[in-house]
Amino acid sequence: MSLILNDLAIGYPNHLVMAGIGGTIHSGNAVALIGQNGAGKSTLLRTLAGEQSPVSGTCVWDAPVKRHRSIAWLSQSPSLRPDAPLTVRALAAMGLWARLGLFGKPCRHDQDKIDHALDMVGLSDLENQQVSTLSGGQLQRALFARLTVQDCGLILLDEPFSAVDTASQAKLLEVIQHWVGEGRTVIAAIHDLDCARHFPLWWELSKFGAILRRSDDKPLSSLTQPLRAVSGVAQST
């Protein structure tokens, strides 16, 4: 599947952030969404996730994003109560909710998926530990385990490496590489350009618009159609 944007405008009532975004990102790509604070990175991710409606235009992941269950979204501030009695394994298992519902019972295959996800993020030994006791890096790894269990084709991450230690960052990058190897598409808002260099594609937002390019500055060739945007006004055709 591909992420297809058609004359997309993003923003809020009485405040247009960016307009005229169009193009295609094919499956199996890792894209770093970069730009200054206030450029619209979080707004774009929330729109792609279906968390907020576009001002105009469409974004489609095989189906309109608001009706799609194959999109995973990790915000900068996940809604987890710090005092909730939640183990690492239970947090990872929350990735099954979209398919099983809140009270569905995981089968043996589901349990194996959870085991695999925890092993992949290096938290198997901590599966029974309370989430409230984890470090920032460990918590982010547990959230990545949940995303792995969720098994979505499009994964959207808002500043996933913020406030994590170096070892956890390296582990999270390994997980992203694994996802892409499985054919999933990952789009991550990143402020650290050294970290962004681990992503083959950069989607750069600025007051002049948006451009998709390879992180090594080589032409995109057949990787994806160029994305284009004009800040404030939609492009004419």
C-alpha atoms as a PDB file:
ATOM      1  CA  MET A   1       0.000   0.000   0.000  1.00  0.00           C
ATOM      2  CA  SER A   2       1.003   3.619  -0.461  1.00  0.00           C
ATOM      3  CA  LEU A   3       0.290   6.841   1.380  1.00  0.00           C
ATOM      4  CA  ILE A   4      -1.338   9.130  -1.170  1.00  0.00           C
ATOM      5  CA  LEU A   5      -1.738  12.847  -0.489  1.00  0.00           C
ATOM      6  CA  ASN A   6      -3.923  14.913  -2.789  1.00  0.00           C
ATOM      7  CA  ASP A   7      -3.812  18.707  -2.462  1.00  0.00           C
ATOM      8  CA  LEU A   8      -3.730  18.338   1.327  1.00  0.00           C
ATOM      9  CA  ALA A   9      -4.080  21.419   3.529  1.00  0.00           C
ATOM     10  CA  ILE A  10      -3.424  21.121   7.272  1.00  0.00           C
ATOM     11  CA  GLY A  11      -4.127  23.415  10.192  1.00  0.00           C
ATOM     12  CA  TYR A  12      -6.806  24.551  12.604  1.00  0.00           C
ATOM     13  CA  PRO A  13      -9.873  26.784  12.481  1.00  0.00           C
ATOM     14  CA  ASN A  14      -8.737  30.217  11.332  1.00  0.00           C
ATOM     15  CA  HIS A  15      -5.115  29.058  11.079  1.00  0.00           C
ATOM     16  CA  LEU A  16      -3.791  27.365   7.949  1.00  0.00           C
ATOM     17  CA  VAL A  17      -0.399  25.750   8.613  1.00  0.00           C
ATOM     18  CA  MET A  18       0.387  24.424   5.134  1.00  0.00           C
ATOM     19  CA  ALA A  19      -1.467  23.690   1.905  1.00  0.00           C
ATOM     20  CA  GLY A  20      -1.002  22.090  -1.479  1.00  0.00           C
ATOM     21  CA  ILE A  21       0.741  18.952  -0.195  1.00  0.00           C
ATOM     22  CA  GLY A  22       0.543  16.186  -2.774  1.00  0.00           C
ATOM     23  CA  GLY A  23       2.314  13.010  -3.820  1.00  0.00           C
ATOM     24  CA  THR A  24       2.900   9.402  -2.862  1.00  0.00           C
ATOM     25  CA  ILE A  25       5.053   7.585  -0.317  1.00  0.00           C
ATOM     26  CA  HIS A  26       5.295   3.916  -1.176  1.00  0.00           C
ATOM     27  CA  SER A  27       5.309   1.151   1.421  1.00  0.00           C
ATOM     28  CA  GLY A  28       8.567   0.001   2.967  1.00  0.00           C
ATOM     29  CA  ASN A  29      10.083   3.471   3.401  1.00  0.00           C
ATOM     30  CA  ALA A  30      11.504   5.153   6.508  1.00  0.00           C
ATOM     31  CA  VAL A  31      10.931   8.906   6.397  1.00  0.00           C
ATOM     32  CA  ALA A  32      12.321  11.502   8.820  1.00  0.00           C
ATOM     33  CA  LEU A  33       9.990  14.487   9.120  1.00  0.00           C
ATOM     34  CA  ILE A  34      12.222  17.464   9.874  1.00  0.00           C
ATOM     35  CA  GLY A  35      11.810  21.201  10.286  1.00  0.00           C
ATOM     36  CA  GLN A  36      11.934  24.017  12.820  1.00  0.00           C
ATOM     37  CA  ASN A  37       9.580  24.120  15.797  1.00  0.00           C
ATOM     38  CA  GLY A  38       6.216  25.362  14.585  1.00  0.00           C
ATOM     39  CA  ALA A  39       6.775  24.167  11.018  1.00  0.00           C
ATOM     40  CA  GLY A  40       3.782  21.839  11.273  1.00  0.00           C
ATOM     41  CA  LYS A  41       5.385  18.429  11.887  1.00  0.00           C
ATOM     42  CA  SER A  42       3.012  17.375  14.677  1.00  0.00           C
ATOM     43  CA  THR A  43       0.018  18.835  12.850  1.00  0.00           C
ATOM     44  CA  LEU A  44       0.879  16.851   9.733  1.00  0.00           C
ATOM     45  CA  LEU A  45       1.355  13.623  11.700  1.00  0.00           C
ATOM     46  CA  ARG A  46      -1.949  14.053  13.548  1.00  0.00           C
ATOM     47  CA  THR A  47      -3.672  14.629  10.209  1.00  0.00           C
ATOM     48  CA  LEU A  48      -2.070  11.539   8.659  1.00  0.00           C
ATOM     49  CA  ALA A  49      -3.086   9.542  11.740  1.00  0.00           C
ATOM     50  CA  GLY A  50      -6.702  10.659  11.399  1.00  0.00           C
ATOM     51  CA  GLU A  51      -6.534  12.394  14.786  1.00  0.00           C
ATOM     52  CA  GLN A  52      -7.601  15.663  13.203  1.00  0.00           C
ATOM     53  CA  SER A  53      -9.309  16.467   9.936  1.00  0.00           C
ATOM     54  CA  PRO A  54      -7.485  18.164   7.073  1.00  0.00           C
ATOM     55  CA  VAL A  55      -8.537  21.680   6.216  1.00  0.00           C
ATOM     56  CA  SER A  56      -9.022  20.411   2.674  1.00  0.00           C
ATOM     57  CA  GLY A  57      -7.737  17.722   0.359  1.00  0.00           C
ATOM     58  CA  THR A  58      -7.273  14.056   1.182  1.00  0.00           C
ATOM     59  CA  CYS A  59      -4.756  11.648   2.671  1.00  0.00           C
ATOM     60  CA  VAL A  60      -5.330   7.994   1.876  1.00  0.00           C
ATOM     61  CA  TRP A  61      -3.627   4.822   3.095  1.00  0.00           C
ATOM     62  CA  ASP A  62      -5.490   2.372   0.870  1.00  0.00           C
ATOM     63  CA  ALA A  63      -8.604   3.946   2.432  1.00  0.00           C
ATOM     64  CA  PRO A  64      -9.292   7.362   3.980  1.00  0.00           C
ATOM     65  CA  VAL A  65      -7.164   7.514   7.138  1.00  0.00           C
ATOM     66  CA  LYS A  66     -10.059   8.241   9.504  1.00  0.00           C
ATOM     67  CA  ARG A  67     -11.532   4.823   8.719  1.00  0.00           C
ATOM     68  CA  HIS A  68      -8.276   2.876   8.744  1.00  0.00           C
ATOM     69  CA  ARG A  69      -7.117   0.447  11.427  1.00  0.00           C
ATOM     70  CA  SER A  70      -3.766  -0.227   9.791  1.00  0.00           C
ATOM     71  CA  ILE A  71      -2.229   3.035  11.001  1.00  0.00           C
ATOM     72  CA  ALA A  72      -0.317   3.184  14.296  1.00  0.00           C
ATOM     73  CA  TRP A  73       0.325   6.514  15.992  1.00  0.00           C
ATOM     74  CA  LEU A  74       2.685   7.363  18.860  1.00  0.00           C
ATOM     75  CA  SER A  75       2.413  10.942  20.077  1.00  0.00           C
ATOM     76  CA  GLN A  76       5.002  12.878  22.060  1.00  0.00           C
ATOM     77  CA  SER A  77       2.935  12.420  25.230  1.00  0.00           C
ATOM     78  CA  PRO A  78       1.169   9.022  25.254  1.00  0.00           C
ATOM     79  CA  SER A  79      -1.866   8.959  27.544  1.00  0.00           C
ATOM     80  CA  LEU A  80      -0.603   6.648  30.289  1.00  0.00           C
ATOM     81  CA  ARG A  81      -1.536   7.267  33.901  1.00  0.00           C
ATOM     82  CA  PRO A  82       1.702   7.206  35.924  1.00  0.00           C
ATOM     83  CA  ASP A  83      -0.054   5.554  38.872  1.00  0.00           C
ATOM     84  CA  ALA A  84      -1.845   2.878  36.811  1.00  0.00           C
ATOM     85  CA  PRO A  85      -0.961  -0.721  37.827  1.00  0.00           C
ATOM     86  CA  LEU A  86       0.302  -1.685  34.378  1.00  0.00           C
ATOM     87  CA  THR A  87       3.102  -4.119  33.619  1.00  0.00           C
ATOM     88  CA  VAL A  88       5.435  -3.911  30.640  1.00  0.00           C
ATOM     89  CA  ARG A  89       3.804  -7.000  29.147  1.00  0.00           C
ATOM     90  CA  ALA A  90       0.314  -5.561  29.613  1.00  0.00           C
ATOM     91  CA  LEU A  91       1.385  -2.363  27.864  1.00  0.00           C
ATOM     92  CA  ALA A  92       2.721  -4.337  24.899  1.00  0.00           C
ATOM     93  CA  ALA A  93      -0.509  -6.367  24.812  1.00  0.00           C
ATOM     94  CA  MET A  94      -2.488  -3.151  24.337  1.00  0.00           C
ATOM     95  CA  GLY A  95      -1.389  -3.388  20.718  1.00  0.00           C
ATOM     96  CA  LEU A  96      -4.012  -6.122  20.316  1.00  0.00           C
ATOM     97  CA  TRP A  97      -6.932  -3.915  21.348  1.00  0.00           C
ATOM     98  CA  ALA A  98      -7.762  -2.715  17.833  1.00  0.00           C
ATOM     99  CA  ARG A  99      -8.355  -6.333  16.787  1.00  0.00           C
ATOM    100  CA  LEU A 100      -9.582  -8.008  19.994  1.00  0.00           C
ATOM    101  CA  GLY A 101     -11.273  -5.129  21.764  1.00  0.00           C
ATOM    102  CA  LEU A 102     -10.735  -4.211  25.400  1.00  0.00           C
ATOM    103  CA  PHE A 103     -11.964  -7.533  26.798  1.00  0.00           C
ATOM    104  CA  GLY A 104     -10.828  -9.951  24.083  1.00  0.00           C
ATOM    105  CA  LYS A 105      -8.627 -12.850  25.145  1.00  0.00           C
ATOM    106  CA  PRO A 106      -5.260 -13.224  23.373  1.00  0.00           C
ATOM    107  CA  CYS A 107      -4.614 -16.620  21.788  1.00  0.00           C
ATOM    108  CA  ARG A 108      -1.295 -18.472  21.851  1.00  0.00           C
ATOM    109  CA  HIS A 109      -0.240 -16.780  18.614  1.00  0.00           C
ATOM    110  CA  ASP A 110      -0.949 -13.387  20.167  1.00  0.00           C
ATOM    111  CA  GLN A 111       1.135 -14.278  23.224  1.00  0.00           C
ATOM    112  CA  ASP A 112       3.985 -15.291  20.928  1.00  0.00           C
ATOM    113  CA  LYS A 113       3.736 -11.903  19.184  1.00  0.00           C
ATOM    114  CA  ILE A 114       4.052 -10.167  22.547  1.00  0.00           C
ATOM    115  CA  ASP A 115       7.060 -12.330  23.459  1.00  0.00           C
ATOM    116  CA  HIS A 116       8.704 -11.471  20.143  1.00  0.00           C
ATOM    117  CA  ALA A 117       8.011  -7.751  20.510  1.00  0.00           C
ATOM    118  CA  LEU A 118       9.459  -7.594  24.027  1.00  0.00           C
ATOM    119  CA  ASP A 119      12.531  -9.507  22.916  1.00  0.00           C
ATOM    120  CA  MET A 120      12.985  -7.170  19.959  1.00  0.00           C
ATOM    121  CA  VAL A 121      13.065  -4.076  22.202  1.00  0.00           C
ATOM    122  CA  GLY A 122      15.211  -5.786  24.851  1.00  0.00           C
ATOM    123  CA  LEU A 123      12.610  -5.835  27.634  1.00  0.00           C
ATOM    124  CA  SER A 124      11.880  -9.553  28.015  1.00  0.00           C
ATOM    125  CA  ASP A 125      13.496  -9.588  31.466  1.00  0.00           C
ATOM    126  CA  LEU A 126      11.307  -6.678  32.581  1.00  0.00           C
ATOM    127  CA  GLU A 127       7.951  -7.948  31.297  1.00  0.00           C
ATOM    128  CA  ASN A 128       6.438  -8.131  34.800  1.00  0.00           C
ATOM    129  CA  GLN A 129       7.831  -4.791  35.958  1.00  0.00           C
ATOM    130  CA  GLN A 130       5.466  -1.887  36.524  1.00  0.00           C
ATOM    131  CA  VAL A 131       5.546   0.699  33.759  1.00  0.00           C
ATOM    132  CA  SER A 132       5.661   3.454  36.391  1.00  0.00           C
ATOM    133  CA  THR A 133       9.159   2.300  37.431  1.00  0.00           C
ATOM    134  CA  LEU A 134      10.697   2.444  33.949  1.00  0.00           C
ATOM    135  CA  SER A 135      13.229   4.992  32.775  1.00  0.00           C
ATOM    136  CA  GLY A 136      12.332   7.226  29.846  1.00  0.00           C
ATOM    137  CA  GLY A 137      14.232   5.027  27.408  1.00  0.00           C
ATOM    138  CA  GLN A 138      12.702   1.825  28.767  1.00  0.00           C
ATOM    139  CA  LEU A 139       9.197   3.285  28.539  1.00  0.00           C
ATOM    140  CA  GLN A 140       9.726   4.277  24.915  1.00  0.00           C
ATOM    141  CA  ARG A 141      10.971   0.773  24.134  1.00  0.00           C
ATOM    142  CA  ALA A 142       7.842  -0.661  25.777  1.00  0.00           C
ATOM    143  CA  LEU A 143       5.701   1.624  23.615  1.00  0.00           C
ATOM    144  CA  PHE A 144       7.594   0.405  20.538  1.00  0.00           C
ATOM    145  CA  ALA A 145       6.769  -3.151  21.628  1.00  0.00           C
ATOM    146  CA  ARG A 146       3.089  -2.150  21.669  1.00  0.00           C
ATOM    147  CA  LEU A 147       3.438  -0.749  18.137  1.00  0.00           C
ATOM    148  CA  THR A 148       5.087  -3.998  17.010  1.00  0.00           C
ATOM    149  CA  VAL A 149       2.208  -6.053  18.415  1.00  0.00           C
ATOM    150  CA  GLN A 150      -0.280  -3.683  16.760  1.00  0.00           C
ATOM    151  CA  ASP A 151       1.187  -4.858  13.440  1.00  0.00           C
ATOM    152  CA  CYS A 152       0.165  -1.863  11.308  1.00  0.00           C
ATOM    153  CA  GLY A 153       1.441  -1.076   7.846  1.00  0.00           C
ATOM    154  CA  LEU A 154       1.886   2.662   8.503  1.00  0.00           C
ATOM    155  CA  ILE A 155       3.589   3.819  11.710  1.00  0.00           C
ATOM    156  CA  LEU A 156       3.661   7.509  12.662  1.00  0.00           C
ATOM    157  CA  LEU A 157       6.027   8.683  15.413  1.00  0.00           C
ATOM    158  CA  ASP A 158       6.197  12.156  16.948  1.00  0.00           C
ATOM    159  CA  GLU A 159       9.705  12.819  18.355  1.00  0.00           C
ATOM    160  CA  PRO A 160      10.293   9.160  19.315  1.00  0.00           C
ATOM    161  CA  PHE A 161      13.917   9.735  20.388  1.00  0.00           C
ATOM    162  CA  SER A 162      13.281  12.717  22.646  1.00  0.00           C
ATOM    163  CA  ALA A 163      14.648  12.250  26.184  1.00  0.00           C
ATOM    164  CA  VAL A 164      15.878   8.686  25.646  1.00  0.00           C
ATOM    165  CA  ASP A 165      19.370   7.396  26.399  1.00  0.00           C
ATOM    166  CA  THR A 166      21.855   6.486  23.679  1.00  0.00           C
ATOM    167  CA  ALA A 167      21.403   2.726  24.118  1.00  0.00           C
ATOM    168  CA  SER A 168      17.618   3.004  23.839  1.00  0.00           C
ATOM    169  CA  GLN A 169      17.911   5.221  20.766  1.00  0.00           C
ATOM    170  CA  ALA A 170      20.085   2.600  19.072  1.00  0.00           C
ATOM    171  CA  LYS A 171      17.583  -0.127  19.968  1.00  0.00           C
ATOM    172  CA  LEU A 172      14.644   1.917  18.673  1.00  0.00           C
ATOM    173  CA  LEU A 173      16.450   2.536  15.388  1.00  0.00           C
ATOM    174  CA  GLU A 174      17.002  -1.228  15.080  1.00  0.00           C
ATOM    175  CA  VAL A 175      13.276  -1.789  15.583  1.00  0.00           C
ATOM    176  CA  ILE A 176      12.426   0.770  12.893  1.00  0.00           C
ATOM    177  CA  GLN A 177      14.821  -0.951  10.493  1.00  0.00           C
ATOM    178  CA  HIS A 178      13.082  -4.242  11.282  1.00  0.00           C
ATOM    179  CA  TRP A 179       9.656  -2.728  10.579  1.00  0.00           C
ATOM    180  CA  VAL A 180      10.822  -1.352   7.237  1.00  0.00           C
ATOM    181  CA  GLY A 181      12.347  -4.740   6.388  1.00  0.00           C
ATOM    182  CA  GLU A 182       8.873  -6.208   6.873  1.00  0.00           C
ATOM    183  CA  GLY A 183       7.487  -3.732   4.333  1.00  0.00           C
ATOM    184  CA  ARG A 184       5.980  -1.273   6.786  1.00  0.00           C
ATOM    185  CA  THR A 185       6.189   2.486   6.289  1.00  0.00           C
ATOM    186  CA  VAL A 186       7.532   4.665   9.109  1.00  0.00           C
ATOM    187  CA  ILE A 187       7.253   8.462   9.260  1.00  0.00           C
ATOM    188  CA  ALA A 188       8.936  10.029  12.296  1.00  0.00           C
ATOM    189  CA  ALA A 189       9.178  13.670  13.343  1.00  0.00           C
ATOM    190  CA  ILE A 190      12.803  14.205  14.397  1.00  0.00           C
ATOM    191  CA  HIS A 191      14.649  17.323  15.565  1.00  0.00           C
ATOM    192  CA  ASP A 192      18.134  15.749  15.793  1.00  0.00           C
ATOM    193  CA  LEU A 193      19.652  15.697  12.305  1.00  0.00           C
ATOM    194  CA  ASP A 194      22.328  13.196  13.354  1.00  0.00           C
ATOM    195  CA  CYS A 195      19.521  10.799  14.227  1.00  0.00           C
ATOM    196  CA  ALA A 196      17.601  11.713  11.071  1.00  0.00           C
ATOM    197  CA  ARG A 197      20.545  10.535   8.971  1.00  0.00           C
ATOM    198  CA  HIS A 198      19.566   6.962   9.829  1.00  0.00           C
ATOM    199  CA  PHE A 199      16.440   7.497   7.670  1.00  0.00           C
ATOM    200  CA  PRO A 200      16.842   7.158   3.875  1.00  0.00           C
ATOM    201  CA  LEU A 201      14.224   9.835   3.166  1.00  0.00           C
ATOM    202  CA  TRP A 202      13.790  13.312   4.651  1.00  0.00           C
ATOM    203  CA  TRP A 203      10.477  15.135   4.464  1.00  0.00           C
ATOM    204  CA  GLU A 204      11.452  18.718   5.207  1.00  0.00           C
ATOM    205  CA  LEU A 205       8.878  21.312   6.263  1.00  0.00           C
ATOM    206  CA  SER A 206       9.566  25.030   6.227  1.00  0.00           C
ATOM    207  CA  LYS A 207       7.755  28.320   5.710  1.00  0.00           C
ATOM    208  CA  PHE A 208       8.375  27.810   1.989  1.00  0.00           C
ATOM    209  CA  GLY A 209       6.545  24.472   1.924  1.00  0.00           C
ATOM    210  CA  ALA A 210       7.481  20.790   2.023  1.00  0.00           C
ATOM    211  CA  ILE A 211       9.962  18.774   0.024  1.00  0.00           C
ATOM    212  CA  LEU A 212      10.801  15.079   0.090  1.00  0.00           C
ATOM    213  CA  ARG A 213      14.418  14.170  -0.615  1.00  0.00           C
ATOM    214  CA  ARG A 214      16.949  11.496   0.143  1.00  0.00           C
ATOM    215  CA  SER A 215      19.050  12.088   3.241  1.00  0.00           C
ATOM    216  CA  ASP A 216      22.213  11.745   1.129  1.00  0.00           C
ATOM    217  CA  ASP A 217      20.893  14.511  -1.166  1.00  0.00           C
ATOM    218  CA  LYS A 218      20.765  12.190  -4.174  1.00  0.00           C
ATOM    219  CA  PRO A 219      17.762  12.383  -6.521  1.00  0.00           C
ATOM    220  CA  LEU A 220      14.701  10.443  -5.441  1.00  0.00           C
ATOM    221  CA  SER A 221      14.511   8.562  -8.766  1.00  0.00           C
ATOM    222  CA  SER A 222      11.829   5.875  -8.439  1.00  0.00           C
ATOM    223  CA  LEU A 223      11.683   5.754  -4.638  1.00  0.00           C
ATOM    224  CA  THR A 224       8.648   8.012  -4.503  1.00  0.00           C
ATOM    225  CA  GLN A 225       6.985  10.779  -6.403  1.00  0.00           C
ATOM    226  CA  PRO A 226       8.174  14.191  -5.196  1.00  0.00           C
ATOM    227  CA  LEU A 227       5.934  15.722  -2.556  1.00  0.00           C
ATOM    228  CA  ARG A 228       5.253  19.389  -2.953  1.00  0.00           C
ATOM    229  CA  ALA A 229       3.619  22.065  -0.880  1.00  0.00           C
ATOM    230  CA  VAL A 230       3.174  25.789  -0.776  1.00  0.00           C
ATOM    231  CA  SER A 231       2.807  27.358   2.632  1.00  0.00           C
ATOM    232  CA  GLY A 232      -0.453  29.207   3.070  1.00  0.00           C
ATOM    233  CA  VAL A 233      -1.990  28.774  -0.382  1.00  0.00           C
ATOM    234  CA  ALA A 234      -2.750  25.693  -2.418  1.00  0.00           C
ATOM    235  CA  GLN A 235      -0.853  25.188  -5.638  1.00  0.00           C
ATOM    236  CA  SER A 236      -2.706  25.843  -8.835  1.00  0.00           C
ATOM    237  CA  THR A 237      -2.751  23.138 -11.506  1.00  0.00           C
END
